[in-house]
Protein backbone atom coordinates (compact mmCIF):
# COMPACT_ATOMS: atom_id res chain seq x y z
CA ARG A 1 109.29 94.80 97.06
CA PRO A 2 108.10 93.19 100.09
CA THR A 3 105.60 94.38 102.37
CA GLY A 4 105.55 92.41 105.47
CA MET A 5 101.28 91.48 104.98
CA LYS A 6 101.84 88.28 104.11
CA GLY A 7 98.71 87.69 102.13
CA VAL A 8 100.07 90.39 100.04
CA ASP A 9 102.86 89.50 99.65
CA HIS A 10 101.60 85.58 98.60
CA VAL A 11 99.64 87.71 95.77
CA PHE A 12 102.37 89.40 94.23
CA GLY A 13 104.52 86.75 94.21
CA GLY A 14 106.78 87.84 97.24
CA GLY A 15 106.07 91.27 97.52
CA LEU A 16 104.74 94.83 95.44
CA PRO A 17 105.92 95.39 91.86
CA ARG A 18 107.97 97.91 91.16
CA VAL A 19 106.05 99.85 88.75
CA GLY A 20 102.74 99.35 86.90
CA ALA A 21 98.93 99.67 88.37
CA VAL A 22 96.95 97.42 90.09
CA LEU A 23 92.92 98.22 90.33
CA LEU A 24 91.33 97.91 93.95
CA CYS A 25 88.26 96.86 94.47
CA ALA A 26 85.60 96.57 96.84
CA LYS A 27 81.65 97.51 97.93
CA GLU A 28 81.78 100.31 100.28
CA GLY A 29 82.09 100.22 103.50
CA ILE A 30 84.80 96.88 103.37
CA GLY A 31 88.03 98.79 104.15
CA LYS A 32 89.76 100.05 101.12
CA THR A 33 91.29 103.33 102.56
CA SER A 34 92.01 102.16 106.00
CA TRP A 35 93.76 98.49 103.70
CA LEU A 36 95.56 101.29 101.93
CA VAL A 37 97.19 102.76 104.97
CA GLU A 38 98.23 99.72 106.59
CA LEU A 39 99.95 98.78 103.54
CA LEU A 40 101.70 101.96 103.02
CA LEU A 41 102.39 102.10 107.11
CA ASN A 42 104.03 98.56 106.30
CA LEU A 43 106.49 100.25 103.40
CA ARG A 44 109.57 102.00 103.84
CA VAL A 45 109.63 103.34 100.83
CA ARG A 46 108.61 106.93 99.55
CA SER A 47 104.64 106.66 98.96
CA LEU A 48 101.88 109.22 98.03
CA LEU A 49 97.74 108.10 99.78
CA LEU A 50 95.95 110.50 97.40
CA SER A 51 92.49 110.40 98.15
CA THR A 52 89.92 112.05 96.14
CA GLU A 53 87.09 111.08 99.32
CA GLN A 54 88.19 112.89 102.00
CA SER A 55 90.34 115.52 103.22
CA LYS A 56 93.43 115.56 104.40
CA ASP A 57 92.67 116.38 108.17
CA ASP A 58 90.04 113.61 107.54
CA LEU A 59 92.18 110.84 106.98
CA VAL A 60 94.96 111.74 109.28
CA ARG A 61 91.90 111.90 112.28
CA GLN A 62 90.51 108.58 110.80
CA PHE A 63 94.02 107.13 111.00
CA VAL A 64 94.91 108.00 114.34
CA ARG A 65 94.02 104.39 115.71
CA PHE A 66 96.92 102.92 114.19
CA GLY A 67 98.85 105.09 116.64
CA HIS A 68 100.28 108.35 117.06
CA ASP A 69 103.75 106.99 117.47
CA ARG A 70 103.35 104.56 114.33
CA LEU A 71 102.30 107.46 112.14
CA LEU A 72 105.30 110.04 113.09
CA ARG A 73 107.73 106.85 112.17
CA ALA A 74 105.73 106.73 108.99
CA SER A 75 106.12 109.94 107.59
CA ARG A 76 109.60 110.15 107.63
CA HIS A 77 108.14 108.09 103.93
CA MET A 78 104.03 108.55 103.53
CA SER A 79 102.68 111.73 102.44
CA ILE A 80 98.69 111.97 102.32
CA GLU A 81 97.52 114.35 99.70
CA SER A 82 93.42 115.01 99.31
CA GLU A 83 92.65 116.78 95.65
CA THR A 84 89.92 115.94 93.00
CA ASP A 85 91.01 117.88 89.79
CA TRP A 86 93.42 115.83 87.92
CA ASP A 87 95.86 118.54 86.25
CA LYS A 88 96.16 118.83 90.68
CA ILE A 89 96.60 115.17 90.75
CA LEU A 90 98.95 114.59 88.64
CA ASP A 91 101.22 117.60 89.47
CA ILE A 92 100.63 115.94 92.85
CA ILE A 93 102.96 113.01 91.51
CA GLU A 94 104.81 114.07 89.95
CA ASP A 95 106.21 116.51 92.99
CA HIS A 96 106.27 113.84 95.27
CA LYS A 97 107.81 111.00 92.77
CA PRO A 98 106.72 108.16 95.09
CA ARG A 99 107.62 104.45 94.79
CA VAL A 100 104.61 103.41 95.83
CA LEU A 101 101.59 105.81 95.16
CA ALA A 102 97.63 104.34 96.65
CA LEU A 103 95.14 106.36 94.25
CA ASP A 104 91.83 106.66 96.40
CA SER A 105 89.29 107.18 94.08
CA LEU A 106 89.10 107.17 90.57
CA HIS A 107 85.12 107.72 90.67
CA ASP A 108 85.69 110.99 92.40
CA ILE A 109 88.66 112.51 90.02
CA GLU A 110 87.53 116.13 88.09
CA GLY A 111 88.25 117.57 84.77
CA ILE A 112 88.87 114.61 82.27
CA TYR A 113 89.04 114.80 79.01
CA ASP A 114 88.74 112.51 75.66
CA ASP A 115 92.05 112.55 73.50
CA ASN A 116 89.61 115.84 71.25
CA ASP A 117 89.11 117.91 74.12
CA ASN A 118 85.40 116.88 75.08
CA PRO A 119 84.89 116.70 78.72
CA LEU A 120 84.66 113.49 80.11
CA SER A 121 81.73 112.38 82.87
CA SER A 122 83.15 112.50 86.50
CA GLY A 123 83.00 109.01 87.28
CA GLY A 124 82.98 107.88 84.39
CA ASP A 125 83.17 104.29 82.70
CA ARG A 126 85.64 106.51 79.71
CA ALA A 127 86.47 108.98 82.29
CA VAL A 128 88.14 106.34 84.40
CA THR A 129 89.64 103.96 81.52
CA ARG A 130 91.48 106.96 80.95
CA ILE A 131 92.57 108.03 84.19
CA ALA A 132 93.91 104.37 84.92
CA LYS A 133 95.90 104.41 81.30
CA VAL A 134 97.27 107.56 82.31
CA ILE A 135 98.51 106.14 85.89
CA GLN A 136 99.93 102.57 83.76
CA ARG A 137 102.02 105.28 81.72
CA LEU A 138 103.63 107.68 84.09
CA SER A 139 104.53 104.89 86.86
CA ARG A 140 106.93 103.19 84.07
CA LYS A 141 108.19 106.76 83.29
CA LEU A 142 108.66 107.32 86.72
CA GLY A 143 109.09 104.30 88.09
CA PHE A 144 105.99 103.63 90.76
CA PHE A 145 103.27 100.90 91.37
CA ALA A 146 99.74 102.50 91.43
CA LEU A 147 96.99 101.13 93.61
CA LEU A 148 94.27 102.71 91.85
CA VAL A 149 90.73 102.61 93.99
CA GLY A 150 87.88 101.20 92.24
CA HIS A 151 84.26 100.64 93.12
CA MET A 152 82.08 97.63 93.37
CA ALA A 153 78.29 97.49 92.29
CA ASN A 154 76.10 96.09 95.28
CA ASP A 155 75.43 93.12 93.11
CA GLY A 156 79.72 92.44 93.37
CA THR A 157 80.63 93.91 89.85
CA MET A 158 82.98 96.38 89.16
CA MET A 159 82.10 100.02 87.92
CA GLY A 160 84.43 100.84 84.79
CA GLY A 161 83.74 97.22 82.60
CA ALA A 162 86.04 95.62 81.31
CA HIS A 163 87.37 98.98 79.19
CA LEU A 164 88.99 99.35 82.77
CA ARG A 165 90.22 96.56 84.26
CA HIS A 166 92.18 96.16 80.68
CA ALA A 167 94.05 99.43 81.34
CA VAL A 168 96.16 97.89 84.64
CA ASP A 169 97.89 95.14 84.67
CA GLY A 170 96.11 93.43 87.16
CA VAL A 171 92.70 93.17 89.68
CA LEU A 172 92.38 92.91 92.96
CA GLY A 173 89.37 92.54 94.83
CA LEU A 174 88.98 92.63 98.78
CA TYR A 175 86.07 91.27 100.60
CA ARG A 176 84.85 90.41 103.96
CA LEU A 177 85.81 86.90 105.33
CA SER A 178 82.05 86.99 106.29
CA ASP A 179 78.88 87.69 105.57
CA GLU A 180 78.63 89.34 109.13
CA GLU A 181 79.26 93.03 109.30
CA LYS A 182 81.46 93.55 112.49
CA ASP A 183 83.74 90.39 110.61
CA THR A 184 87.62 92.78 109.96
CA ARG A 185 89.11 89.62 108.56
CA ARG A 186 89.32 90.20 104.77
CA ILE A 187 90.56 88.33 101.79
CA LEU A 188 92.30 88.94 98.33
CA ARG A 189 91.79 87.89 95.10
CA PHE A 190 94.09 88.90 92.53
CA LYS A 191 93.51 88.00 88.54
CA GLY A 192 96.49 89.56 86.62
CA LYS A 193 99.85 89.95 84.89
CA ALA A 194 101.90 89.47 88.60
């Protein structure tokens, strides 16, 4: 599924996969959400941006800069929702039936339980790994591709650790081209199965 974004299409060998889950990691303030919206605006398939960090209204206001006409055209295929409750998130995904899901972010989802119905700490390694595993299985069952936003510590390590990395098909790192905060150019690095 070509995206029209040369760098993304190159990283994925011609476009986004039809199914599976990839973790998108970057330090705070790099522009993960902006990058996701730009990607979803370019796609011409049913897509869903599901935010656990910002309200739907805040997201819409934030992305007016992409142009009112462009957002209006995208509204035909792109939906934006905001939710933090895990069961409600699963319902939203099943109701929208996206071809591409952007879940921003794994670390703010509440109401996660292990296999023995013990609550898991929101944002903890076990919780985010469980979320990624469930989304991975659901993507194959319902036929969608998921970009799951994970956080990166200031030292450059991915929060969630090795278990999280192994719960998805790959990890996509988003980095600034230079150390200057005003530099809007980004670099993508992919590790995994493309």
